[in-house]
Amino acid sequence: MAADIAWETRGLVQTDDNWRRASALLATADIQVMGGRPWDMRVHHPDTFDRILTRGSLGLGESYIDGWWDCDQVDAFITRILRARLAEKVGRAGWLWASLKARLTNLQSQHRAWQVGEVHYDLGNDLYQAMLDPSMAYSCGYWPVAQTLAQAQEAKLDLICQKLQLQPGMRLLDIGCGWGSLMLFAARHYRVACVGLTISKEQARLGTDKARDLPVRFELADYRQFNPRGEQRFDRVASVGMFEHVGHKNYRAYFDMVRRSLRDDGLFLLHTIGKNRAGVGIDPWIEKYIFPNGVLPSASEIAFYSEDSFVMEDWHNFGEDYDKTLLAWHARFEAAWPGLKDRYGERFYRMWRYYLLCCAATFRARDNQLWQVVMSPSGHAGGYRRPLL
């Protein structure tokens, strides 16, 4: 038998060893190479498996962006890979390097902290307005009874407000406020005054325009620069979808900042994606192409770094709702793409599509979680009760 086997796609020649090894690995996840099912993999380039087997997750994502392979349902494809734990069978060199880099270097230093704003959140408000719901909430929706993305995001915002037990006249600090979805909702429906921190110029600009005459103020500032002497005190503090950019070397400084900004009888709500085990780095492809310097906390890390300043009142996991949220964003992105493609281009389309569908898969496979944690400085008077929603 010849050393190489020919295959039809573009008349290319594929080396036998890598083809067979990859096919065997994928078969354990019920994925066929050149199969006909929606989650099967269609390969277009002879070096695809060499790239994937040597570079792992990074090679898989980069080869997809480059058009070396396709799949009708990327989310179903990745879900099967995660559930079969193929990364461990191939080798985790990329993951180990990412974890080592995060442990040895402060990837979220004050200088680096602004990079994710420039690279990700300042991509263009037109992209996010097309993809997100009208409130522009860029975090997991709450879907127990919601039928649409807008309903799920409104339910999430109301859930946060109720967990914080907001009352008219209170002051709310939103750390990592995005375009202001929580602040605008809280100001309108709970009549509270809000201050939001963001590292994105585009978010601050559009959010300020959306706030109009509401008691809402945006500050373009890293959380470590805010309220250094604790002269400002807020009744409530929330942080929604921002803790993923803090990093373990800064967790202590983060919780210290929350504590000095919160009244002694206040409540703090942390809404964050989380990982199942401490010490595991963020996916190398996501870190390189989507969220530079990002890192996901574990439950043990949140508990350890917050215990000197806070009492844990409530812990709520609704990670599977992120699967639905990401698929809803993907559907809106696909529908809006004809009006976006001239600005962003085909390579960006493949990158963004891969990002949304891969992330949906991580929650479907329960590889990632979504947590809402409520804390108080010294125990909430009378005990804390989660609202029944």
Protein backbone atom coordinates (compact mmCIF):
# COMPACT_ATOMS: atom_id res chain seq x y z
CA MET A 1 0.00 0.00 0.00
CA ALA A 2 1.34 3.47 -0.87
CA ALA A 3 2.57 5.69 1.95
CA ASP A 4 -0.01 8.30 1.06
CA ILE A 5 -3.69 7.91 0.31
CA ALA A 6 -5.42 10.20 -2.14
CA TRP A 7 -8.72 11.81 -1.37
CA GLU A 8 -11.09 13.81 -3.47
CA THR A 9 -11.31 17.27 -1.89
CA ARG A 10 -9.35 19.64 -4.17
CA GLY A 11 -7.41 16.63 -5.45
CA LEU A 12 -5.03 16.81 -2.45
CA VAL A 13 -3.03 14.01 -0.88
CA GLN A 14 -3.33 13.21 2.84
CA THR A 15 -0.67 11.40 4.88
CA ASP A 16 -1.96 8.07 6.12
CA ASP A 17 -0.77 8.18 9.76
CA ASN A 18 -2.31 11.48 10.87
CA TRP A 19 -5.50 10.82 8.93
CA ARG A 20 -5.98 7.44 10.60
CA ARG A 21 -5.02 8.65 14.07
CA ALA A 22 -7.36 11.64 13.91
CA SER A 23 -10.18 9.58 12.43
CA ALA A 24 -9.85 7.02 15.21
CA LEU A 25 -9.86 9.70 17.91
CA LEU A 26 -12.86 11.48 16.44
CA ALA A 27 -14.72 8.19 16.10
CA THR A 28 -14.60 7.80 19.89
CA ALA A 29 -16.65 11.01 20.00
CA ASP A 30 -19.05 9.72 17.31
CA ILE A 31 -17.61 12.09 14.70
CA GLN A 32 -16.80 10.85 11.20
CA VAL A 33 -14.24 12.48 8.95
CA MET A 34 -15.93 13.31 5.63
CA GLY A 35 -19.18 11.93 7.01
CA GLY A 36 -22.64 13.20 6.18
CA ARG A 37 -24.10 14.05 9.58
CA PRO A 38 -24.38 17.69 10.74
CA TRP A 39 -21.61 17.28 13.34
CA ASP A 40 -19.20 15.39 11.05
CA MET A 41 -15.99 17.02 9.83
CA ARG A 42 -15.26 17.87 6.20
CA VAL A 43 -11.54 18.38 5.60
CA HIS A 44 -10.25 20.58 2.77
CA HIS A 45 -6.48 20.77 3.37
CA PRO A 46 -3.92 17.94 3.62
CA ASP A 47 -2.15 19.45 6.66
CA THR A 48 -5.28 19.87 8.77
CA PHE A 49 -4.72 16.97 11.12
CA ASP A 50 -1.00 17.62 11.46
CA ARG A 51 -1.88 21.16 12.58
CA ILE A 52 -4.53 19.96 15.02
CA LEU A 53 -2.54 17.08 16.50
CA THR A 54 0.50 19.27 17.13
CA ARG A 55 -1.25 22.45 18.29
CA GLY A 56 -4.44 21.13 19.90
CA SER A 57 -7.30 23.58 20.43
CA LEU A 58 -5.32 26.44 18.89
CA GLY A 59 -4.66 24.42 15.75
CA LEU A 60 -8.30 23.31 15.54
CA GLY A 61 -9.60 26.87 15.70
CA GLU A 62 -6.96 28.41 13.45
CA SER A 63 -7.44 25.78 10.76
CA TYR A 64 -11.20 26.47 10.85
CA ILE A 65 -10.63 30.22 10.42
CA ASP A 66 -8.35 29.46 7.47
CA GLY A 67 -11.04 27.32 5.83
CA TRP A 68 -9.14 24.05 6.16
CA TRP A 69 -12.19 22.22 7.49
CA ASP A 70 -15.94 22.72 7.88
CA CYS A 71 -18.86 21.33 9.81
CA ASP A 72 -22.57 22.10 9.55
CA GLN A 73 -22.99 22.23 13.34
CA VAL A 74 -19.74 23.37 14.93
CA ASP A 75 -21.41 23.51 18.37
CA ALA A 76 -22.45 19.85 18.17
CA PHE A 77 -18.97 18.91 16.90
CA ILE A 78 -17.21 20.65 19.81
CA THR A 79 -19.71 19.30 22.36
CA ARG A 80 -18.82 15.76 21.33
CA ILE A 81 -15.09 16.50 21.53
CA LEU A 82 -15.45 17.91 25.05
CA ARG A 83 -17.65 15.09 26.33
CA ALA A 84 -15.20 12.50 24.95
CA ARG A 85 -12.29 14.42 26.57
CA LEU A 86 -10.29 14.26 23.35
CA ALA A 87 -7.96 17.06 24.46
CA GLU A 88 -6.52 14.73 27.08
CA LYS A 89 -6.03 11.97 24.54
CA VAL A 90 -4.28 14.25 22.06
CA GLY A 91 -2.19 16.06 24.68
CA ARG A 92 -2.63 19.35 26.49
CA ALA A 93 0.62 21.15 25.60
CA GLY A 94 -1.21 24.31 24.56
CA TRP A 95 -3.39 24.27 27.66
CA LEU A 96 -0.39 23.68 29.92
CA TRP A 97 1.47 26.60 28.42
CA ALA A 98 -1.56 28.88 28.79
CA SER A 99 -1.95 27.81 32.43
CA LEU A 100 1.77 28.30 33.16
CA LYS A 101 1.74 31.73 31.52
CA ALA A 102 -1.27 32.78 33.59
CA ARG A 103 0.36 31.55 36.80
CA LEU A 104 3.79 33.13 36.23
CA THR A 105 2.72 36.41 34.63
CA ASN A 106 0.16 39.02 35.62
CA LEU A 107 -1.70 38.97 32.33
CA GLN A 108 -4.30 41.35 33.76
CA SER A 109 -1.96 44.09 35.03
CA GLN A 110 -3.22 47.67 34.82
CA HIS A 111 -1.34 48.13 31.56
CA ARG A 112 -2.64 44.90 30.00
CA ALA A 113 -6.18 45.37 31.33
CA TRP A 114 -7.03 47.83 28.56
CA GLN A 115 -6.09 45.40 25.78
CA VAL A 116 -9.35 43.44 25.89
CA GLY A 117 -11.31 46.69 25.57
CA GLU A 118 -9.39 47.68 22.47
CA VAL A 119 -9.31 44.22 20.88
CA HIS A 120 -12.78 42.94 21.75
CA TYR A 121 -15.24 45.47 23.13
CA ASP A 122 -14.21 48.29 20.78
CA LEU A 123 -14.61 46.14 17.65
CA GLY A 124 -17.67 48.14 16.63
CA ASN A 125 -20.98 49.02 18.20
CA ASP A 126 -22.69 48.06 14.92
CA LEU A 127 -21.60 44.43 15.42
CA TYR A 128 -22.86 44.25 19.00
CA GLN A 129 -26.10 46.11 18.29
CA ALA A 130 -26.85 43.57 15.57
CA MET A 131 -25.93 40.53 17.67
CA LEU A 132 -27.26 41.42 21.13
CA ASP A 133 -30.77 42.15 22.36
CA PRO A 134 -32.03 45.77 22.49
CA SER A 135 -30.65 46.24 26.03
CA MET A 136 -27.20 45.19 24.73
CA ALA A 137 -26.63 42.82 27.63
CA TYR A 138 -23.45 40.89 26.75
CA SER A 139 -23.74 38.14 29.35
CA CYS A 140 -25.83 35.03 29.99
CA GLY A 141 -29.60 35.43 29.82
CA TYR A 142 -32.03 33.72 32.22
CA TRP A 143 -34.32 31.31 30.34
CA PRO A 144 -36.65 29.41 32.73
CA VAL A 145 -39.76 31.02 31.19
CA ALA A 146 -38.31 33.30 28.49
CA GLN A 147 -39.15 32.65 24.85
CA THR A 148 -36.90 35.25 23.24
CA LEU A 149 -33.42 36.65 23.82
CA ALA A 150 -34.85 40.00 24.91
CA GLN A 151 -37.09 38.30 27.48
CA ALA A 152 -34.19 36.21 28.79
CA GLN A 153 -31.98 39.26 29.24
CA GLU A 154 -34.73 41.25 30.95
CA ALA A 155 -35.34 38.29 33.27
CA LYS A 156 -31.60 38.18 34.09
CA LEU A 157 -31.47 41.91 34.83
CA ASP A 158 -34.55 41.70 37.04
CA LEU A 159 -33.15 38.63 38.80
CA ILE A 160 -29.99 40.59 39.68
CA CYS A 161 -32.00 43.55 40.95
CA GLN A 162 -34.16 41.32 43.12
CA LYS A 163 -31.17 39.39 44.49
CA LEU A 164 -29.61 42.74 45.41
CA GLN A 165 -32.90 43.79 47.05
CA LEU A 166 -32.74 47.19 45.37
CA GLN A 167 -34.89 49.98 46.80
CA PRO A 168 -35.59 53.49 45.46
CA GLY A 169 -32.87 55.95 46.37
CA MET A 170 -30.08 53.39 46.65
CA ARG A 171 -26.72 53.79 44.88
CA LEU A 172 -25.44 50.92 42.72
CA LEU A 173 -21.87 50.43 41.50
CA ASP A 174 -21.56 48.26 38.37
CA ILE A 175 -17.99 47.00 37.86
CA GLY A 176 -17.52 46.22 34.17
CA CYS A 177 -20.82 47.77 33.18
CA GLY A 178 -20.64 47.18 29.43
CA TRP A 179 -23.11 49.37 27.56
CA GLY A 180 -25.06 49.89 30.78
CA SER A 181 -27.85 47.32 30.48
CA LEU A 182 -28.04 46.63 34.23
CA MET A 183 -27.73 50.29 35.23
CA LEU A 184 -30.38 51.46 32.79
CA PHE A 185 -32.76 48.70 33.91
CA ALA A 186 -32.15 49.39 37.61
CA ALA A 187 -32.54 53.15 37.19
CA ARG A 188 -35.80 52.80 35.26
CA HIS A 189 -37.48 50.01 37.22
CA TYR A 190 -35.98 50.31 40.71
CA ARG A 191 -35.23 54.06 40.77
CA VAL A 192 -31.62 53.75 41.89
CA ALA A 193 -28.63 55.93 40.96
CA CYS A 194 -25.80 54.09 39.22
CA VAL A 195 -22.08 54.44 38.51
CA GLY A 196 -20.52 52.07 35.98
CA LEU A 197 -16.87 51.24 35.29
CA THR A 198 -15.69 50.17 31.84
CA ILE A 199 -12.38 49.91 29.98
CA SER A 200 -14.07 50.32 26.58
CA LYS A 201 -14.34 53.78 25.03
CA GLU A 202 -17.05 52.56 22.66
CA GLN A 203 -19.13 51.15 25.50
CA ALA A 204 -18.86 54.36 27.50
CA ARG A 205 -19.78 56.50 24.49
CA LEU A 206 -22.86 54.54 23.45
CA GLY A 207 -23.93 53.84 27.04
CA THR A 208 -23.82 57.52 27.94
CA ASP A 209 -25.98 58.29 24.92
CA LYS A 210 -28.50 55.59 25.91
CA ALA A 211 -28.68 56.83 29.51
CA ARG A 212 -29.94 60.30 28.53
CA ASP A 213 -31.52 61.89 31.63
CA LEU A 214 -31.34 58.83 33.90
CA PRO A 215 -29.18 58.99 37.08
CA VAL A 216 -26.49 56.85 35.41
CA ARG A 217 -22.82 57.74 35.03
CA PHE A 218 -20.11 55.90 33.12
CA GLU A 219 -16.47 56.08 34.18
CA LEU A 220 -13.67 54.94 31.86
CA ALA A 221 -11.46 53.35 34.50
CA ASP A 222 -9.80 50.13 35.55
CA TYR A 223 -11.36 48.85 38.79
CA ARG A 224 -8.03 49.23 40.64
CA GLN A 225 -8.00 52.95 39.91
CA PHE A 226 -11.48 53.55 41.31
CA ASN A 227 -12.16 54.87 44.80
CA PRO A 228 -8.64 54.15 46.12
CA ARG A 229 -9.30 55.61 49.60
CA GLY A 230 -12.83 54.26 50.00
CA GLU A 231 -14.39 57.70 50.15
CA GLN A 232 -17.36 56.58 48.02
CA ARG A 233 -19.73 54.01 49.53
CA PHE A 234 -22.50 52.28 47.61
CA ASP A 235 -25.54 50.44 48.92
CA ARG A 236 -25.07 47.70 46.36
CA VAL A 237 -22.30 46.50 44.04
CA ALA A 238 -22.68 44.25 41.00
CA SER A 239 -20.19 42.82 38.54
CA VAL A 240 -21.67 41.04 35.52
CA GLY A 241 -19.41 39.25 33.05
CA MET A 242 -16.26 41.15 34.05
CA PHE A 243 -14.54 38.89 36.60
CA GLU A 244 -13.30 36.71 33.72
CA HIS A 245 -10.80 39.50 32.97
CA VAL A 246 -9.39 39.87 36.51
CA GLY A 247 -7.01 36.92 36.92
CA HIS A 248 -5.88 35.12 40.07
CA LYS A 249 -2.99 37.51 40.72
CA ASN A 250 -5.54 40.32 41.07
CA TYR A 251 -8.43 38.60 42.84
CA ARG A 252 -7.36 39.95 46.21
CA ALA A 253 -7.16 43.53 44.89
CA TYR A 254 -10.55 43.08 43.21
CA PHE A 255 -12.37 41.96 46.36
CA ASP A 256 -10.60 44.65 48.38
CA MET A 257 -11.89 47.26 45.95
CA VAL A 258 -15.45 45.91 46.21
CA ARG A 259 -15.28 45.91 50.01
CA ARG A 260 -14.01 49.49 50.33
CA SER A 261 -16.76 50.66 47.97
CA LEU A 262 -19.63 48.83 49.71
CA ARG A 263 -21.53 49.93 52.80
CA ASP A 264 -21.25 47.67 55.83
CA ASP A 265 -24.90 46.61 55.42
CA GLY A 266 -24.67 46.28 51.63
CA LEU A 267 -24.85 43.38 49.19
CA PHE A 268 -22.52 42.39 46.35
CA LEU A 269 -23.50 40.20 43.38
CA LEU A 270 -20.83 38.53 41.25
CA HIS A 271 -22.01 37.12 37.90
CA THR A 272 -19.21 35.18 36.20
CA ILE A 273 -18.34 32.26 33.98
CA GLY A 274 -16.44 29.64 35.97
CA LYS A 275 -14.34 26.56 35.37
CA ASN A 276 -14.65 23.23 37.10
CA ARG A 277 -11.08 22.96 38.41
CA ALA A 278 -8.54 25.46 39.68
CA GLY A 279 -5.25 25.79 37.82
CA VAL A 280 -6.65 25.11 34.35
CA GLY A 281 -5.91 27.86 31.83
CA ILE A 282 -8.36 29.46 29.43
CA ASP A 283 -8.69 27.87 25.99
CA PRO A 284 -5.63 29.04 23.99
CA TRP A 285 -7.67 29.90 20.89
CA ILE A 286 -10.15 32.03 22.87
CA GLU A 287 -7.29 33.80 24.63
CA LYS A 288 -5.48 34.60 21.37
CA TYR A 289 -8.41 35.60 19.15
CA ILE A 290 -11.31 36.70 21.38
CA PHE A 291 -10.47 37.62 24.98
CA PRO A 292 -6.77 38.45 25.37
CA ASN A 293 -5.48 37.89 28.90
CA GLY A 294 -8.75 36.27 29.96
CA VAL A 295 -8.94 33.65 32.70
CA LEU A 296 -11.86 31.79 34.26
CA PRO A 297 -12.10 31.45 38.05
CA SER A 298 -12.88 28.22 39.86
CA ALA A 299 -15.32 28.00 42.75
CA SER A 300 -12.45 27.40 45.17
CA GLU A 301 -10.62 30.52 43.96
CA ILE A 302 -13.69 32.74 44.42
CA ALA A 303 -14.23 31.35 47.91
CA PHE A 304 -10.57 31.64 48.93
CA TYR A 305 -9.94 35.19 47.75
CA SER A 306 -13.26 36.59 49.01
CA GLU A 307 -13.35 34.99 52.47
CA ASP A 308 -11.35 37.73 54.22
CA SER A 309 -13.86 40.39 53.16
CA PHE A 310 -17.21 38.70 52.62
CA VAL A 311 -19.75 36.17 53.82
CA MET A 312 -21.09 33.94 51.07
CA GLU A 313 -24.89 34.32 51.10
CA ASP A 314 -26.02 32.52 47.93
CA TRP A 315 -24.51 30.58 44.99
CA HIS A 316 -26.62 29.99 41.87
CA ASN A 317 -25.47 28.02 38.78
CA PHE A 318 -27.46 28.36 35.56
CA GLY A 319 -24.69 27.59 33.07
CA GLU A 320 -26.89 25.72 30.61
CA ASP A 321 -28.73 28.99 29.96
CA TYR A 322 -25.54 30.29 28.34
CA ASP A 323 -25.89 27.65 25.62
CA LYS A 324 -29.26 29.14 24.64
CA THR A 325 -27.92 32.70 24.92
CA LEU A 326 -24.96 32.03 22.65
CA LEU A 327 -27.11 30.27 20.06
CA ALA A 328 -29.46 33.26 20.08
CA TRP A 329 -26.51 35.63 19.55
CA HIS A 330 -25.27 33.39 16.74
CA ALA A 331 -28.67 33.42 15.02
CA ARG A 332 -28.79 37.22 15.15
CA PHE A 333 -25.19 37.47 13.94
CA GLU A 334 -25.93 35.23 10.96
CA ALA A 335 -29.06 37.20 10.08
CA ALA A 336 -27.17 40.51 10.27
CA TRP A 337 -24.04 39.34 8.44
CA PRO A 338 -25.03 40.58 4.95
CA GLY A 339 -24.97 44.12 6.33
CA LEU A 340 -21.70 43.60 8.23
CA LYS A 341 -19.56 41.60 5.80
CA ASP A 342 -18.15 44.52 3.81
CA ARG A 343 -16.64 45.98 6.98
CA TYR A 344 -15.50 42.82 8.75
CA GLY A 345 -14.68 40.31 5.99
CA GLU A 346 -14.90 36.54 5.55
CA ARG A 347 -12.07 35.64 7.93
CA PHE A 348 -13.74 37.57 10.76
CA TYR A 349 -17.02 35.79 9.95
CA ARG A 350 -15.45 32.37 10.41
CA MET A 351 -13.64 33.49 13.56
CA TRP A 352 -16.76 34.98 15.18
CA ARG A 353 -18.99 32.09 14.19
CA TYR A 354 -16.47 29.64 15.65
CA TYR A 355 -16.26 31.69 18.86
CA LEU A 356 -20.01 31.76 19.48
CA LEU A 357 -20.64 28.11 18.64
CA CYS A 358 -17.60 26.79 20.52
CA CYS A 359 -18.58 28.70 23.63
CA ALA A 360 -22.12 27.32 23.39
CA ALA A 361 -20.61 23.84 23.30
CA THR A 362 -18.54 24.39 26.46
CA PHE A 363 -21.70 25.12 28.44
CA ARG A 364 -23.70 22.32 26.83
CA ALA A 365 -20.95 19.87 27.76
CA ARG A 366 -20.87 21.41 31.29
CA ASP A 367 -17.19 22.17 30.79
CA ASN A 368 -17.89 25.79 31.80
CA GLN A 369 -20.39 27.11 34.34
CA LEU A 370 -22.25 30.37 34.92
CA TRP A 371 -22.46 31.48 38.53
CA GLN A 372 -24.26 34.26 40.35
CA VAL A 373 -22.82 34.64 43.84
CA VAL A 374 -24.30 37.01 46.44
CA MET A 375 -22.05 38.20 49.27
CA SER A 376 -22.32 40.54 52.24
CA PRO A 377 -19.55 42.12 54.33
CA SER A 378 -20.50 40.44 57.62
CA GLY A 379 -23.70 38.46 57.09
CA HIS A 380 -26.99 39.93 55.92
CA ALA A 381 -29.21 41.02 58.81
CA GLY A 382 -32.05 38.54 59.32
CA GLY A 383 -30.52 36.09 56.87
CA TYR A 384 -30.54 36.17 53.08
CA ARG A 385 -33.23 34.60 50.92
CA ARG A 386 -32.94 34.18 47.16
CA PRO A 387 -36.03 35.54 45.32
CA LEU A 388 -38.34 32.85 43.98
CA LEU A 389 -38.26 33.38 40.22
